[in-house]
Amino acid sequence: MNRSRDTSSTALDVVGRLSEVSRLAGQLADRVLSAQIASQPIPEAQIHALLDAAIILDAYAMKLPPLLEQMIGKVEDDERDNPAAGRKADGAGVDAER
């Protein structure tokens, strides 16, 4: 009986952590968008964090925060329209500092 309680509390813990990942990803997506609007550099680490969050949330079939979903959709559209753009070595528009 203790084992099922441990399993259910572990599942709740995972859901809680995924909810926190989603919340933080939404906040970070908002910061990145604000920086982009203000023509400020966007640290590469922030882009990687957003992509990692999207991958994790998708792996657990969790809905992406709306702004992150919009950003991912834009990247996919841009890469579909111009496949070479997603592979630029110069990282245009992204600050290389971490």
PDB file of N, CA and C in Angstrom:
ATOM      1  N   MET A   1       0.814  -1.188   0.000  1.00  0.00           N
ATOM      2  CA  MET A   1       0.000   0.000   0.000  1.00  0.00           C
ATOM      3  C   MET A   1       0.863   1.260   0.000  1.00  0.00           C
ATOM      4  N   ASN A   2       1.960   1.245   0.711  1.00  0.00           N
ATOM      5  CA  ASN A   2       2.859   2.394   0.714  1.00  0.00           C
ATOM      6  C   ASN A   2       3.410   2.664  -0.677  1.00  0.00           C
ATOM      7  N   ARG A   3       3.615   1.586  -1.419  1.00  0.00           N
ATOM      8  CA  ARG A   3       4.190   1.734  -2.754  1.00  0.00           C
ATOM      9  C   ARG A   3       3.262   2.526  -3.677  1.00  0.00           C
ATOM     10  N   SER A   4       1.960   2.280  -3.642  1.00  0.00           N
ATOM     11  CA  SER A   4       1.024   3.017  -4.499  1.00  0.00           C
ATOM     12  C   SER A   4       0.950   4.480  -4.067  1.00  0.00           C
ATOM     13  N   ARG A   5       1.065   4.733  -2.790  1.00  0.00           N
ATOM     14  CA  ARG A   5       1.069   6.109  -2.311  1.00  0.00           C
ATOM     15  C   ARG A   5       2.321   6.819  -2.803  1.00  0.00           C
ATOM     16  N   ASP A   6       3.466   6.147  -2.771  1.00  0.00           N
ATOM     17  CA  ASP A   6       4.703   6.726  -3.278  1.00  0.00           C
ATOM     18  C   ASP A   6       4.598   7.011  -4.770  1.00  0.00           C
ATOM     19  N   THR A   7       3.993   6.102  -5.503  1.00  0.00           N
ATOM     20  CA  THR A   7       3.833   6.270  -6.946  1.00  0.00           C
ATOM     21  C   THR A   7       2.938   7.464  -7.250  1.00  0.00           C
ATOM     22  N   SER A   8       1.830   7.583  -6.536  1.00  0.00           N
ATOM     23  CA  SER A   8       0.928   8.704  -6.803  1.00  0.00           C
ATOM     24  C   SER A   8       1.544  10.026  -6.384  1.00  0.00           C
ATOM     25  N   SER A   9       2.302  10.044  -5.291  1.00  0.00           N
ATOM     26  CA  SER A   9       2.944  11.301  -4.889  1.00  0.00           C
ATOM     27  C   SER A   9       4.060  11.661  -5.861  1.00  0.00           C
ATOM     28  N   THR A  10       4.737  10.658  -6.424  1.00  0.00           N
ATOM     29  CA  THR A  10       5.761  10.909  -7.432  1.00  0.00           C
ATOM     30  C   THR A  10       5.117  11.486  -8.696  1.00  0.00           C
ATOM     31  N   ALA A  11       3.982  10.935  -9.090  1.00  0.00           N
ATOM     32  CA  ALA A  11       3.277  11.437 -10.268  1.00  0.00           C
ATOM     33  C   ALA A  11       2.830  12.878 -10.049  1.00  0.00           C
ATOM     34  N   LEU A  12       2.334  13.183  -8.860  1.00  0.00           N
ATOM     35  CA  LEU A  12       1.943  14.560  -8.545  1.00  0.00           C
ATOM     36  C   LEU A  12       3.149  15.480  -8.562  1.00  0.00           C
ATOM     37  N   ASP A  13       4.281  14.987  -8.076  1.00  0.00           N
ATOM     38  CA  ASP A  13       5.511  15.775  -8.074  1.00  0.00           C
ATOM     39  C   ASP A  13       5.938  16.094  -9.505  1.00  0.00           C
ATOM     40  N   VAL A  14       5.845  15.108 -10.395  1.00  0.00           N
ATOM     41  CA  VAL A  14       6.207  15.312 -11.801  1.00  0.00           C
ATOM     42  C   VAL A  14       5.285  16.352 -12.436  1.00  0.00           C
ATOM     43  N   VAL A  15       3.995  16.228 -12.189  1.00  0.00           N
ATOM     44  CA  VAL A  15       3.036  17.188 -12.741  1.00  0.00           C
ATOM     45  C   VAL A  15       3.327  18.583 -12.203  1.00  0.00           C
ATOM     46  N   GLY A  16       3.636  18.680 -10.934  1.00  0.00           N
ATOM     47  CA  GLY A  16       3.971  19.976 -10.336  1.00  0.00           C
ATOM     48  C   GLY A  16       5.217  20.576 -10.943  1.00  0.00           C
ATOM     49  N   ARG A  17       6.216  19.761 -11.164  1.00  0.00           N
ATOM     50  CA  ARG A  17       7.459  20.251 -11.772  1.00  0.00           C
ATOM     51  C   ARG A  17       7.237  20.664 -13.221  1.00  0.00           C
ATOM     52  N   LEU A  18       6.441  19.890 -13.949  1.00  0.00           N
ATOM     53  CA  LEU A  18       6.150  20.251 -15.341  1.00  0.00           C
ATOM     54  C   LEU A  18       5.340  21.548 -15.407  1.00  0.00           C
ATOM     55  N   SER A  19       4.448  21.736 -14.460  1.00  0.00           N
ATOM     56  CA  SER A  19       3.690  22.989 -14.409  1.00  0.00           C
ATOM     57  C   SER A  19       4.618  24.164 -14.156  1.00  0.00           C
ATOM     58  N   GLU A  20       5.603  23.956 -13.312  1.00  0.00           N
ATOM     59  CA  GLU A  20       6.591  25.010 -13.031  1.00  0.00           C
ATOM     60  C   GLU A  20       7.454  25.283 -14.261  1.00  0.00           C
ATOM     61  N   VAL A  21       7.852  24.245 -14.976  1.00  0.00           N
ATOM     62  CA  VAL A  21       8.605  24.432 -16.229  1.00  0.00           C
ATOM     63  C   VAL A  21       7.775  25.257 -17.200  1.00  0.00           C
ATOM     64  N   SER A  22       6.506  24.938 -17.310  1.00  0.00           N
ATOM     65  CA  SER A  22       5.615  25.662 -18.211  1.00  0.00           C
ATOM     66  C   SER A  22       5.487  27.125 -17.798  1.00  0.00           C
ATOM     67  N   ARG A  23       5.308  27.367 -16.521  1.00  0.00           N
ATOM     68  CA  ARG A  23       5.164  28.739 -16.020  1.00  0.00           C
ATOM     69  C   ARG A  23       6.424  29.553 -16.289  1.00  0.00           C
ATOM     70  N   LEU A  24       7.580  28.977 -15.970  1.00  0.00           N
ATOM     71  CA  LEU A  24       8.843  29.683 -16.174  1.00  0.00           C
ATOM     72  C   LEU A  24       9.135  29.894 -17.661  1.00  0.00           C
ATOM     73  N   ALA A  25       8.794  28.923 -18.485  1.00  0.00           N
ATOM     74  CA  ALA A  25       8.997  29.065 -19.932  1.00  0.00           C
ATOM     75  C   ALA A  25       8.128  30.192 -20.477  1.00  0.00           C
ATOM     76  N   GLY A  26       6.921  30.314 -19.978  1.00  0.00           N
ATOM     77  CA  GLY A  26       6.044  31.404 -20.394  1.00  0.00           C
ATOM     78  C   GLY A  26       6.616  32.756 -20.022  1.00  0.00           C
ATOM     79  N   GLN A  27       7.164  32.855 -18.817  1.00  0.00           N
ATOM     80  CA  GLN A  27       7.784  34.106 -18.380  1.00  0.00           C
ATOM     81  C   GLN A  27       9.016  34.432 -19.212  1.00  0.00           C
ATOM     82  N   LEU A  28       9.834  33.425 -19.485  1.00  0.00           N
ATOM     83  CA  LEU A  28      11.039  33.648 -20.278  1.00  0.00           C
ATOM     84  C   LEU A  28      10.683  34.021 -21.713  1.00  0.00           C
ATOM     85  N   ALA A  29       9.674  33.387 -22.270  1.00  0.00           N
ATOM     86  CA  ALA A  29       9.235  33.729 -23.620  1.00  0.00           C
ATOM     87  C   ALA A  29       8.789  35.186 -23.680  1.00  0.00           C
ATOM     88  N   ASP A  30       8.123  35.650 -22.643  1.00  0.00           N
ATOM     89  CA  ASP A  30       7.702  37.045 -22.572  1.00  0.00           C
ATOM     90  C   ASP A  30       8.919  37.978 -22.534  1.00  0.00           C
ATOM     91  N   ARG A  31       9.937  37.618 -21.755  1.00  0.00           N
ATOM     92  CA  ARG A  31      11.171  38.427 -21.678  1.00  0.00           C
ATOM     93  C   ARG A  31      11.877  38.479 -23.030  1.00  0.00           C
ATOM     94  N   VAL A  32      11.967  37.334 -23.687  1.00  0.00           N
ATOM     95  CA  VAL A  32      12.640  37.262 -24.988  1.00  0.00           C
ATOM     96  C   VAL A  32      11.892  38.120 -26.005  1.00  0.00           C
ATOM     97  N   LEU A  33      10.571  38.026 -26.013  1.00  0.00           N
ATOM     98  CA  LEU A  33       9.784  38.836 -26.937  1.00  0.00           C
ATOM     99  C   LEU A  33       9.969  40.326 -26.646  1.00  0.00           C
ATOM    100  N   SER A  34       9.971  40.693 -25.373  1.00  0.00           N
ATOM    101  CA  SER A  34      10.184  42.098 -25.002  1.00  0.00           C
ATOM    102  C   SER A  34      11.549  42.589 -25.459  1.00  0.00           C
ATOM    103  N   ALA A  35      12.576  41.757 -25.293  1.00  0.00           N
ATOM    104  CA  ALA A  35      13.920  42.123 -25.751  1.00  0.00           C
ATOM    105  C   ALA A  35      13.948  42.269 -27.263  1.00  0.00           C
ATOM    106  N   GLN A  36      13.273  41.380 -27.952  1.00  0.00           N
ATOM    107  CA  GLN A  36      13.234  41.444 -29.409  1.00  0.00           C
ATOM    108  C   GLN A  36      12.536  42.718 -29.875  1.00  0.00           C
ATOM    109  N   ILE A  37      11.436  43.069 -29.249  1.00  0.00           N
ATOM    110  CA  ILE A  37      10.703  44.282 -29.607  1.00  0.00           C
ATOM    111  C   ILE A  37      11.570  45.522 -29.371  1.00  0.00           C
ATOM    112  N   ALA A  38      12.366  45.493 -28.289  1.00  0.00           N
ATOM    113  CA  ALA A  38      13.232  46.627 -27.947  1.00  0.00           C
ATOM    114  C   ALA A  38      14.564  46.578 -28.702  1.00  0.00           C
ATOM    115  N   SER A  39      14.695  45.650 -29.633  1.00  0.00           N
ATOM    116  CA  SER A  39      15.935  45.476 -30.418  1.00  0.00           C
ATOM    117  C   SER A  39      17.157  45.256 -29.525  1.00  0.00           C
ATOM    118  N   GLN A  40      16.947  44.529 -28.435  1.00  0.00           N
ATOM    119  CA  GLN A  40      18.037  44.181 -27.528  1.00  0.00           C
ATOM    120  C   GLN A  40      18.522  42.774 -27.858  1.00  0.00           C
ATOM    121  N   PRO A  41      19.791  42.507 -27.562  1.00  0.00           N
ATOM    122  CA  PRO A  41      20.295  41.156 -27.836  1.00  0.00           C
ATOM    123  C   PRO A  41      19.604  40.125 -26.940  1.00  0.00           C
ATOM    124  N   ILE A  42      19.452  38.942 -27.484  1.00  0.00           N
ATOM    125  CA  ILE A  42      18.830  37.844 -26.743  1.00  0.00           C
ATOM    126  C   ILE A  42      19.919  36.804 -26.491  1.00  0.00           C
ATOM    127  N   PRO A  43      20.266  36.574 -25.224  1.00  0.00           N
ATOM    128  CA  PRO A  43      21.312  35.591 -24.934  1.00  0.00           C
ATOM    129  C   PRO A  43      20.947  34.204 -25.477  1.00  0.00           C
ATOM    130  N   GLU A  44      21.920  33.554 -26.060  1.00  0.00           N
ATOM    131  CA  GLU A  44      21.714  32.223 -26.632  1.00  0.00           C
ATOM    132  C   GLU A  44      21.196  31.244 -25.582  1.00  0.00           C
ATOM    133  N   ALA A  45      21.644  31.399 -24.353  1.00  0.00           N
ATOM    134  CA  ALA A  45      21.202  30.499 -23.279  1.00  0.00           C
ATOM    135  C   ALA A  45      19.691  30.574 -23.073  1.00  0.00           C
ATOM    136  N   GLN A  46      19.105  31.759 -23.274  1.00  0.00           N
ATOM    137  CA  GLN A  46      17.658  31.895 -23.127  1.00  0.00           C
ATOM    138  C   GLN A  46      16.923  31.161 -24.247  1.00  0.00           C
ATOM    139  N   ILE A  47      17.470  31.232 -25.448  1.00  0.00           N
ATOM    140  CA  ILE A  47      16.863  30.515 -26.569  1.00  0.00           C
ATOM    141  C   ILE A  47      16.934  29.005 -26.318  1.00  0.00           C
ATOM    142  N   HIS A  48      18.102  28.553 -25.854  1.00  0.00           N
ATOM    143  CA  HIS A  48      18.262  27.120 -25.553  1.00  0.00           C
ATOM    144  C   HIS A  48      17.318  26.684 -24.438  1.00  0.00           C
ATOM    145  N   ALA A  49      17.133  27.525 -23.427  1.00  0.00           N
ATOM    146  CA  ALA A  49      16.233  27.186 -22.325  1.00  0.00           C
ATOM    147  C   ALA A  49      14.799  27.048 -22.825  1.00  0.00           C
ATOM    148  N   LEU A  50      14.383  27.942 -23.722  1.00  0.00           N
ATOM    149  CA  LEU A  50      13.031  27.853 -24.272  1.00  0.00           C
ATOM    150  C   LEU A  50      12.857  26.584 -25.107  1.00  0.00           C
ATOM    151  N   LEU A  51      13.853  26.278 -25.921  1.00  0.00           N
ATOM    152  CA  LEU A  51      13.778  25.065 -26.733  1.00  0.00           C
ATOM    153  C   LEU A  51      13.763  23.814 -25.855  1.00  0.00           C
ATOM    154  N   ASP A  52      14.613  23.797 -24.822  1.00  0.00           N
ATOM    155  CA  ASP A  52      14.632  22.657 -23.898  1.00  0.00           C
ATOM    156  C   ASP A  52      13.282  22.494 -23.207  1.00  0.00           C
ATOM    157  N   ALA A  53      12.694  23.608 -22.766  1.00  0.00           N
ATOM    158  CA  ALA A  53      11.385  23.545 -22.107  1.00  0.00           C
ATOM    159  C   ALA A  53      10.331  23.004 -23.070  1.00  0.00           C
ATOM    160  N   ALA A  54      10.368  23.468 -24.314  1.00  0.00           N
ATOM    161  CA  ALA A  54       9.397  22.980 -25.307  1.00  0.00           C
ATOM    162  C   ALA A  54       9.554  21.481 -25.527  1.00  0.00           C
ATOM    163  N   ILE A  55      10.784  21.009 -25.605  1.00  0.00           N
ATOM    164  CA  ILE A  55      11.043  19.578 -25.806  1.00  0.00           C
ATOM    165  C   ILE A  55      10.531  18.764 -24.623  1.00  0.00           C
ATOM    166  N   ILE A  56      10.829  19.233 -23.409  1.00  0.00           N
ATOM    167  CA  ILE A  56      10.408  18.517 -22.202  1.00  0.00           C
ATOM    168  C   ILE A  56       8.885  18.477 -22.103  1.00  0.00           C
ATOM    169  N   LEU A  57       8.259  19.627 -22.282  1.00  0.00           N
ATOM    170  CA  LEU A  57       6.798  19.680 -22.184  1.00  0.00           C
ATOM    171  C   LEU A  57       6.140  18.814 -23.248  1.00  0.00           C
ATOM    172  N   ASP A  58       6.689  18.849 -24.457  1.00  0.00           N
ATOM    173  CA  ASP A  58       6.152  18.018 -25.535  1.00  0.00           C
ATOM    174  C   ASP A  58       6.320  16.529 -25.218  1.00  0.00           C
ATOM    175  N   ALA A  59       7.449  16.158 -24.649  1.00  0.00           N
ATOM    176  CA  ALA A  59       7.713  14.753 -24.315  1.00  0.00           C
ATOM    177  C   ALA A  59       6.703  14.217 -23.306  1.00  0.00           C
ATOM    178  N   TYR A  60       6.192  15.096 -22.441  1.00  0.00           N
ATOM    179  CA  TYR A  60       5.201  14.688 -21.446  1.00  0.00           C
ATOM    180  C   TYR A  60       3.776  15.070 -21.854  1.00  0.00           C
ATOM    181  N   ALA A  61       3.608  15.415 -23.137  1.00  0.00           N
ATOM    182  CA  ALA A  61       2.297  15.763 -23.695  1.00  0.00           C
ATOM    183  C   ALA A  61       1.622  16.898 -22.928  1.00  0.00           C
ATOM    184  N   MET A  62       2.446  17.853 -22.477  1.00  0.00           N
ATOM    185  CA  MET A  62       1.925  19.038 -21.793  1.00  0.00           C
ATOM    186  C   MET A  62       1.781  20.160 -22.819  1.00  0.00           C
ATOM    187  N   LYS A  63       0.759  20.947 -22.670  1.00  0.00           N
ATOM    188  CA  LYS A  63       0.539  22.076 -23.571  1.00  0.00           C
ATOM    189  C   LYS A  63       1.617  23.134 -23.324  1.00  0.00           C
ATOM    190  N   LEU A  64       2.144  23.679 -24.420  1.00  0.00           N
ATOM    191  CA  LEU A  64       3.134  24.747 -24.307  1.00  0.00           C
ATOM    192  C   LEU A  64       2.434  26.042 -23.909  1.00  0.00           C
ATOM    193  N   PRO A  65       3.129  26.914 -23.174  1.00  0.00           N
ATOM    194  CA  PRO A  65       2.556  28.238 -22.909  1.00  0.00           C
ATOM    195  C   PRO A  65       2.276  28.921 -24.257  1.00  0.00           C
ATOM    196  N   PRO A  66       1.192  29.682 -24.359  1.00  0.00           N
ATOM    197  CA  PRO A  66       0.798  30.256 -25.650  1.00  0.00           C
ATOM    198  C   PRO A  66       1.905  31.028 -26.369  1.00  0.00           C
ATOM    199  N   LEU A  67       2.650  31.853 -25.652  1.00  0.00           N
ATOM    200  CA  LEU A  67       3.690  32.642 -26.296  1.00  0.00           C
ATOM    201  C   LEU A  67       4.830  31.756 -26.801  1.00  0.00           C
ATOM    202  N   LEU A  68       5.180  30.727 -26.038  1.00  0.00           N
ATOM    203  CA  LEU A  68       6.219  29.798 -26.475  1.00  0.00           C
ATOM    204  C   LEU A  68       5.739  29.011 -27.690  1.00  0.00           C
ATOM    205  N   GLU A  69       4.490  28.606 -27.681  1.00  0.00           N
ATOM    206  CA  GLU A  69       3.925  27.885 -28.821  1.00  0.00           C
ATOM    207  C   GLU A  69       3.968  28.758 -30.080  1.00  0.00           C
ATOM    208  N   GLN A  70       3.662  30.034 -29.910  1.00  0.00           N
ATOM    209  CA  GLN A  70       3.717  30.974 -31.026  1.00  0.00           C
ATOM    210  C   GLN A  70       5.151  31.116 -31.543  1.00  0.00           C
ATOM    211  N   MET A  71       6.118  31.210 -30.635  1.00  0.00           N
ATOM    212  CA  MET A  71       7.521  31.341 -31.033  1.00  0.00           C
ATOM    213  C   MET A  71       8.008  30.103 -31.785  1.00  0.00           C
ATOM    214  N   ILE A  72       7.676  28.936 -31.280  1.00  0.00           N
ATOM    215  CA  ILE A  72       8.085  27.683 -31.923  1.00  0.00           C
ATOM    216  C   ILE A  72       7.443  27.586 -33.309  1.00  0.00           C
ATOM    217  N   GLY A  73       6.171  27.955 -33.404  1.00  0.00           N
ATOM    218  CA  GLY A  73       5.494  27.944 -34.688  1.00  0.00           C
ATOM    219  C   GLY A  73       6.155  28.876 -35.691  1.00  0.00           C
ATOM    220  N   LYS A  74       6.592  30.039 -35.224  1.00  0.00           N
ATOM    221  CA  LYS A  74       7.267  31.007 -36.102  1.00  0.00           C
ATOM    222  C   LYS A  74       8.594  30.443 -36.589  1.00  0.00           C
ATOM    223  N   VAL A  75       9.352  29.820 -35.711  1.00  0.00           N
ATOM    224  CA  VAL A  75      10.628  29.217 -36.094  1.00  0.00           C
ATOM    225  C   VAL A  75      10.392  28.123 -37.134  1.00  0.00           C
ATOM    226  N   GLU A  76       9.381  27.286 -36.895  1.00  0.00           N
ATOM    227  CA  GLU A  76       9.067  26.216 -37.852  1.00  0.00           C
ATOM    228  C   GLU A  76       8.656  26.790 -39.207  1.00  0.00           C
ATOM    229  N   ASP A  77       7.844  27.848 -39.189  1.00  0.00           N
ATOM    230  CA  ASP A  77       7.428  28.485 -40.447  1.00  0.00           C
ATOM    231  C   ASP A  77       8.633  29.069 -41.183  1.00  0.00           C
ATOM    232  N   ASP A  78       9.512  29.744 -40.434  1.00  0.00           N
ATOM    233  CA  ASP A  78      10.702  30.350 -41.043  1.00  0.00           C
ATOM    234  C   ASP A  78      11.610  29.288 -41.648  1.00  0.00           C
ATOM    235  N   GLU A  79      11.789  28.182 -40.935  1.00  0.00           N
ATOM    236  CA  GLU A  79      12.655  27.115 -41.448  1.00  0.00           C
ATOM    237  C   GLU A  79      12.026  26.426 -42.658  1.00  0.00           C
ATOM    238  N   ARG A  80      10.717  26.306 -42.678  1.00  0.00           N
ATOM    239  CA  ARG A  80      10.038  25.702 -43.820  1.00  0.00           C
ATOM    240  C   ARG A  80      10.160  26.612 -45.049  1.00  0.00           C
ATOM    241  N   ASP A  81      10.026  27.929 -44.824  1.00  0.00           N
ATOM    242  CA  ASP A  81      10.109  28.887 -45.926  1.00  0.00           C
ATOM    243  C   ASP A  81      11.539  29.104 -46.410  1.00  0.00           C
ATOM    244  N   ASN A  82      12.515  28.982 -45.491  1.00  0.00           N
ATOM    245  CA  ASN A  82      13.915  29.216 -45.831  1.00  0.00           C
ATOM    246  C   ASN A  82      14.782  28.249 -45.015  1.00  0.00           C
ATOM    247  N   PRO A  83      14.934  27.004 -45.471  1.00  0.00           N
ATOM    248  CA  PRO A  83      15.647  25.984 -44.696  1.00  0.00           C
ATOM    249  C   PRO A  83      17.063  26.389 -44.284  1.00  0.00           C
ATOM    250  N   ALA A  84      17.757  27.158 -45.092  1.00  0.00           N
ATOM    251  CA  ALA A  84      19.130  27.559 -44.756  1.00  0.00           C
ATOM    252  C   ALA A  84      19.154  28.552 -43.600  1.00  0.00           C
ATOM    253  N   ALA A  85      18.075  29.289 -43.369  1.00  0.00           N
ATOM    254  CA  ALA A  85      18.043  30.310 -42.318  1.00  0.00           C
ATOM    255  C   ALA A  85      18.209  29.701 -40.930  1.00  0.00           C
ATOM    256  N   GLY A  86      17.692  28.511 -40.713  1.00  0.00           N
ATOM    257  CA  GLY A  86      17.798  27.872 -39.407  1.00  0.00           C
ATOM    258  C   GLY A  86      19.177  27.324 -39.122  1.00  0.00           C
ATOM    259  N   ARG A  87      20.033  27.312 -40.138  1.00  0.00           N
ATOM    260  CA  ARG A  87      21.365  26.738 -39.953  1.00  0.00           C
ATOM    261  C   ARG A  87      22.467  27.775 -40.093  1.00  0.00           C
ATOM    262  N   LYS A  88      22.140  29.049 -39.951  1.00  0.00           N
ATOM    263  CA  LYS A  88      23.162  30.086 -40.070  1.00  0.00           C
ATOM    264  C   LYS A  88      24.211  29.913 -38.978  1.00  0.00           C
ATOM    265  N   ALA A  89      25.443  29.977 -39.367  1.00  0.00           N
ATOM    266  CA  ALA A  89      26.531  29.809 -38.403  1.00  0.00           C
ATOM    267  C   ALA A  89      26.768  31.071 -37.593  1.00  0.00           C
ATOM    268  N   ASP A  90      26.361  32.219 -38.122  1.00  0.00           N
ATOM    269  CA  ASP A  90      26.664  33.462 -37.425  1.00  0.00           C
ATOM    270  C   ASP A  90      25.701  33.752 -36.286  1.00  0.00           C
ATOM    271  N   GLY A  91      24.605  33.039 -36.174  1.00  0.00           N
ATOM    272  CA  GLY A  91      23.661  33.235 -35.078  1.00  0.00           C
ATOM    273  C   GLY A  91      23.018  34.600 -35.107  1.00  0.00           C
ATOM    274  N   ALA A  92      22.709  35.121 -36.271  1.00  0.00           N
ATOM    275  CA  ALA A  92      22.146  36.462 -36.419  1.00  0.00           C
ATOM    276  C   ALA A  92      20.953  36.650 -35.510  1.00  0.00           C
ATOM    277  N   GLY A  93      20.948  37.753 -34.778  1.00  0.00           N
ATOM    278  CA  GLY A  93      19.839  38.087 -33.902  1.00  0.00           C
ATOM    279  C   GLY A  93      19.927  37.454 -32.529  1.00  0.00           C
ATOM    280  N   VAL A  94      20.934  36.654 -32.297  1.00  0.00           N
ATOM    281  CA  VAL A  94      21.091  36.004 -31.005  1.00  0.00           C
ATOM    282  C   VAL A  94      22.457  36.328 -30.456  1.00  0.00           C
ATOM    283  N   ASP A  95      22.501  36.775 -29.206  1.00  0.00           N
ATOM    284  CA  ASP A  95      23.758  37.095 -28.545  1.00  0.00           C
ATOM    285  C   ASP A  95      24.447  35.785 -28.190  1.00  0.00           C
ATOM    286  N   ALA A  96      25.686  35.623 -28.588  1.00  0.00           N
ATOM    287  CA  ALA A  96      26.416  34.353 -28.385  1.00  0.00           C
ATOM    288  C   ALA A  96      26.833  34.143 -26.941  1.00  0.00           C
ATOM    289  N   GLU A  97      26.737  35.152 -26.079  1.00  0.00           N
ATOM    290  CA  GLU A  97      27.143  34.980 -24.684  1.00  0.00           C
ATOM    291  C   GLU A  97      26.136  34.131 -23.944  1.00  0.00           C
ATOM    292  N   ARG A  98      26.618  33.367 -22.994  1.00  0.00           N
ATOM    293  CA  ARG A  98      25.725  32.535 -22.170  1.00  0.00           C
ATOM    294  C   ARG A  98      25.641  33.071 -20.801  1.00  0.00           C
TER     295      ARG A  98
END
